[in-house]
Amino acid sequence: MEAAQNHLESWAVVELMGHQKEVGFVTTQYYGTACMFKIDVPDLSEREQTLKRDRWIGDTLAPAGTTIRLGAQPGRTRLVGVSSVYALNPCDRETAIALLEEKQDEVIKIVSLAGCKQLPLGGEQLPGRMKRRTNRSLQSRQQTTILPGSPSTPTNL
């Protein structure tokens, strides 16, 4: 007598051991008596996107409103064992695609930064307030020490 087996077909966020997370279309696959989850991650084509919140892109902090270009991402399939799954969170297709786009970090190019102010180049005069802050920060970085065996006069390093 064969036991009834449940079957899953849904978009989902799958949380795995080792703090890994996969997003895609999840189905159950049976191999004899073993059950595995098959996660199909769809292809994502190259597209432009406007940031809804600040985000680090390389060494640049891109503020909200910045337009970025996301590179194409090929689809993939991953089979995972049931025992390695901590949580399986069903969602709709739109949510899954949005999470995949947010997770993508490989090929991102900044098209235009929103509302950025540039500091003047090295040869230009800094505003007085910024100059004072710069001088104060340099003074606070200087370390004074008293060398053993010398009078208590501090020496700058």
Foldseek 3Di string as FASTA:
>chain_A
DDDDDDWDWFFKWWQFPPRDIDTATWIWDDDPPFIKIKGKFAKDAKDKDFAQAWDDQPNDTAGGRWIKIDHIDHIDMDIGGPVGTPDIGGDHPVVRVVVVVVPDRDDMGTPGGPPDDDADDPVDDHPPVVVVVVVVVVVVPWDWDDDPPDPPDTDTD
